[in-house]
N, C-alpha and C. Protein backbone atom coordinates (compact mmCIF):
# COMPACT_ATOMS: atom_id res chain seq x y z
N MET A 1 -16.02 4.27 -5.09
CA MET A 1 -15.06 4.57 -4.06
C MET A 1 -14.28 5.81 -4.44
N THR A 2 -13.89 6.56 -3.44
CA THR A 2 -13.09 7.75 -3.70
C THR A 2 -11.61 7.36 -3.75
N SER A 3 -10.80 8.30 -4.23
CA SER A 3 -9.37 8.01 -4.41
C SER A 3 -8.69 7.66 -3.09
N TRP A 4 -9.02 8.37 -2.01
CA TRP A 4 -8.35 8.07 -0.74
C TRP A 4 -8.77 6.71 -0.20
N GLN A 5 -10.00 6.30 -0.46
CA GLN A 5 -10.43 4.97 -0.02
C GLN A 5 -9.69 3.88 -0.81
N LEU A 6 -9.52 4.12 -2.11
CA LEU A 6 -8.80 3.14 -2.93
C LEU A 6 -7.34 3.04 -2.52
N VAL A 7 -6.72 4.17 -2.18
CA VAL A 7 -5.33 4.14 -1.73
C VAL A 7 -5.19 3.29 -0.48
N ARG A 8 -6.09 3.45 0.46
CA ARG A 8 -6.02 2.68 1.69
C ARG A 8 -6.31 1.20 1.44
N LEU A 9 -7.22 0.92 0.53
CA LEU A 9 -7.51 -0.47 0.15
C LEU A 9 -6.28 -1.12 -0.48
N ILE A 10 -5.64 -0.41 -1.40
CA ILE A 10 -4.45 -0.94 -2.07
C ILE A 10 -3.31 -1.12 -1.08
N ALA A 11 -3.07 -0.11 -0.24
CA ALA A 11 -1.97 -0.19 0.75
C ALA A 11 -2.20 -1.36 1.71
N GLY A 12 -3.41 -1.49 2.22
CA GLY A 12 -3.71 -2.59 3.13
C GLY A 12 -3.53 -3.95 2.47
N SER A 13 -3.95 -4.06 1.21
CA SER A 13 -3.79 -5.31 0.48
C SER A 13 -2.32 -5.63 0.25
N PHE A 14 -1.53 -4.61 -0.13
CA PHE A 14 -0.10 -4.81 -0.33
C PHE A 14 0.57 -5.27 0.96
N ILE A 15 0.22 -4.65 2.06
CA ILE A 15 0.84 -5.01 3.35
C ILE A 15 0.50 -6.44 3.74
N LEU A 16 -0.77 -6.80 3.65
CA LEU A 16 -1.16 -8.16 4.02
C LEU A 16 -0.54 -9.21 3.11
N LEU A 17 -0.51 -8.92 1.81
CA LEU A 17 0.08 -9.87 0.87
C LEU A 17 1.58 -10.02 1.10
N SER A 18 2.28 -8.89 1.29
CA SER A 18 3.72 -8.98 1.49
C SER A 18 4.07 -9.66 2.82
N LEU A 19 3.23 -9.48 3.84
CA LEU A 19 3.45 -10.21 5.09
C LEU A 19 3.25 -11.71 4.88
N ALA A 20 2.21 -12.07 4.13
CA ALA A 20 1.96 -13.49 3.88
C ALA A 20 3.11 -14.12 3.08
N LEU A 21 3.71 -13.34 2.18
CA LEU A 21 4.82 -13.85 1.37
C LEU A 21 6.16 -13.82 2.12
N GLY A 22 6.24 -13.01 3.20
CA GLY A 22 7.52 -12.83 3.86
C GLY A 22 7.70 -13.47 5.22
N ILE A 23 6.62 -13.95 5.82
CA ILE A 23 6.73 -14.57 7.14
C ILE A 23 6.90 -16.09 6.97
N PRO A 24 7.99 -16.64 7.51
CA PRO A 24 8.29 -18.06 7.30
C PRO A 24 7.17 -19.03 7.67
N GLY A 25 6.33 -18.72 8.63
CA GLY A 25 5.27 -19.64 9.02
C GLY A 25 4.07 -19.63 8.08
N SER A 26 4.05 -18.73 7.13
CA SER A 26 2.91 -18.60 6.21
C SER A 26 2.88 -19.74 5.20
N PRO A 27 1.68 -20.19 4.84
CA PRO A 27 1.60 -21.27 3.84
C PRO A 27 2.03 -20.83 2.44
N ILE A 28 2.08 -19.52 2.17
CA ILE A 28 2.52 -19.05 0.86
C ILE A 28 3.86 -18.31 0.95
N PHE A 29 4.66 -18.66 1.95
CA PHE A 29 5.98 -18.03 2.15
C PHE A 29 6.85 -18.18 0.92
N VAL A 30 7.50 -17.08 0.52
CA VAL A 30 8.44 -17.11 -0.59
C VAL A 30 9.83 -16.72 -0.12
N SER A 31 9.95 -15.54 0.48
CA SER A 31 11.24 -15.04 0.94
C SER A 31 11.01 -13.96 1.98
N GLN A 32 11.93 -13.85 2.93
CA GLN A 32 11.81 -12.80 3.94
C GLN A 32 12.04 -11.42 3.35
N TRP A 33 12.57 -11.33 2.14
CA TRP A 33 12.76 -10.03 1.49
C TRP A 33 11.44 -9.34 1.19
N TRP A 34 10.34 -10.07 1.20
CA TRP A 34 9.02 -9.44 1.01
C TRP A 34 8.70 -8.48 2.15
N LEU A 35 9.33 -8.67 3.29
CA LEU A 35 9.11 -7.77 4.42
C LEU A 35 9.67 -6.37 4.12
N ALA A 36 10.64 -6.28 3.22
CA ALA A 36 11.14 -4.97 2.80
C ALA A 36 10.05 -4.21 2.06
N PHE A 37 9.22 -4.91 1.30
CA PHE A 37 8.10 -4.27 0.61
C PHE A 37 7.08 -3.75 1.62
N THR A 38 6.86 -4.50 2.68
CA THR A 38 5.98 -4.05 3.75
C THR A 38 6.50 -2.73 4.34
N ALA A 39 7.79 -2.67 4.59
CA ALA A 39 8.40 -1.45 5.12
C ALA A 39 8.29 -0.30 4.13
N PHE A 40 8.43 -0.58 2.84
CA PHE A 40 8.32 0.44 1.80
C PHE A 40 6.91 1.05 1.78
N VAL A 41 5.90 0.21 1.85
CA VAL A 41 4.52 0.70 1.86
C VAL A 41 4.27 1.53 3.12
N GLY A 42 4.74 1.05 4.26
CA GLY A 42 4.59 1.80 5.50
C GLY A 42 5.28 3.15 5.45
N ALA A 43 6.48 3.19 4.87
CA ALA A 43 7.21 4.45 4.73
C ALA A 43 6.46 5.42 3.82
N ASN A 44 5.86 4.90 2.77
CA ASN A 44 5.09 5.77 1.87
C ASN A 44 3.84 6.30 2.55
N LEU A 45 3.20 5.50 3.39
CA LEU A 45 2.04 5.98 4.14
C LEU A 45 2.45 7.09 5.11
N LEU A 46 3.58 6.91 5.77
CA LEU A 46 4.10 7.93 6.68
C LEU A 46 4.43 9.21 5.92
N GLN A 47 5.11 9.09 4.79
CA GLN A 47 5.46 10.25 3.97
C GLN A 47 4.22 10.98 3.51
N SER A 48 3.19 10.26 3.07
CA SER A 48 1.98 10.92 2.58
C SER A 48 1.23 11.63 3.70
N ALA A 49 1.32 11.11 4.91
CA ALA A 49 0.67 11.76 6.05
C ALA A 49 1.38 13.08 6.39
N LEU A 50 2.70 13.11 6.25
CA LEU A 50 3.47 14.30 6.60
C LEU A 50 3.46 15.37 5.51
N THR A 51 3.41 14.95 4.25
CA THR A 51 3.49 15.91 3.15
C THR A 51 2.14 16.21 2.50
N ARG A 52 1.13 15.42 2.84
CA ARG A 52 -0.19 15.53 2.23
C ARG A 52 -0.17 15.30 0.71
N TRP A 53 0.78 14.52 0.24
CA TRP A 53 0.86 14.13 -1.16
C TRP A 53 1.16 12.65 -1.24
N CYS A 54 0.43 11.95 -2.10
CA CYS A 54 0.59 10.50 -2.24
C CYS A 54 0.61 10.15 -3.73
N LEU A 55 1.70 9.53 -4.17
CA LEU A 55 1.83 9.14 -5.57
C LEU A 55 0.72 8.16 -5.98
N MET A 56 0.40 7.21 -5.10
CA MET A 56 -0.64 6.24 -5.43
C MET A 56 -1.98 6.93 -5.65
N GLU A 57 -2.29 7.95 -4.85
CA GLU A 57 -3.55 8.67 -5.04
C GLU A 57 -3.56 9.41 -6.37
N THR A 58 -2.43 9.96 -6.76
CA THR A 58 -2.33 10.63 -8.06
C THR A 58 -2.59 9.62 -9.19
N ILE A 59 -2.00 8.44 -9.07
CA ILE A 59 -2.18 7.40 -10.08
C ILE A 59 -3.63 6.96 -10.14
N VAL A 60 -4.24 6.74 -8.98
CA VAL A 60 -5.63 6.27 -8.93
C VAL A 60 -6.57 7.32 -9.53
N ARG A 61 -6.31 8.59 -9.27
CA ARG A 61 -7.13 9.66 -9.87
C ARG A 61 -7.00 9.67 -11.37
N LYS A 62 -5.78 9.50 -11.88
CA LYS A 62 -5.58 9.48 -13.33
C LYS A 62 -6.26 8.27 -13.97
N LEU A 63 -6.47 7.23 -13.21
CA LEU A 63 -7.18 6.06 -13.71
C LEU A 63 -8.70 6.22 -13.65
N GLY A 64 -9.15 7.35 -13.09
CA GLY A 64 -10.58 7.64 -13.14
C GLY A 64 -11.32 7.66 -11.83
N ALA A 65 -10.66 7.45 -10.72
CA ALA A 65 -11.35 7.50 -9.42
C ALA A 65 -11.69 8.95 -9.09
N ARG A 66 -12.83 9.12 -8.47
CA ARG A 66 -13.21 10.49 -8.10
C ARG A 66 -12.48 10.92 -6.83
N GLU A 67 -12.23 12.23 -6.78
CA GLU A 67 -11.50 12.77 -5.64
C GLU A 67 -12.36 12.72 -4.39
N GLY A 68 -11.77 12.31 -3.30
CA GLY A 68 -12.50 12.24 -2.04
C GLY A 68 -12.37 13.54 -1.27
N SER A 69 -13.29 13.74 -0.33
CA SER A 69 -13.20 14.97 0.46
C SER A 69 -12.94 14.64 1.91
């Protein structure tokens, strides 16, 4: 997988997990504060779209993922 694919995989996983932990009807509900993490991930996706720079992609590349085109 390329770095941009991994970033989207990680972001999607974070969003789904934080929704499952933050929505009261979920069987694995912990606290509604998990929804703040969902907003944080969404804000980072928006920021990376506007600036063309993503910290998660930088981290994934340093861990050895190949750069995507």
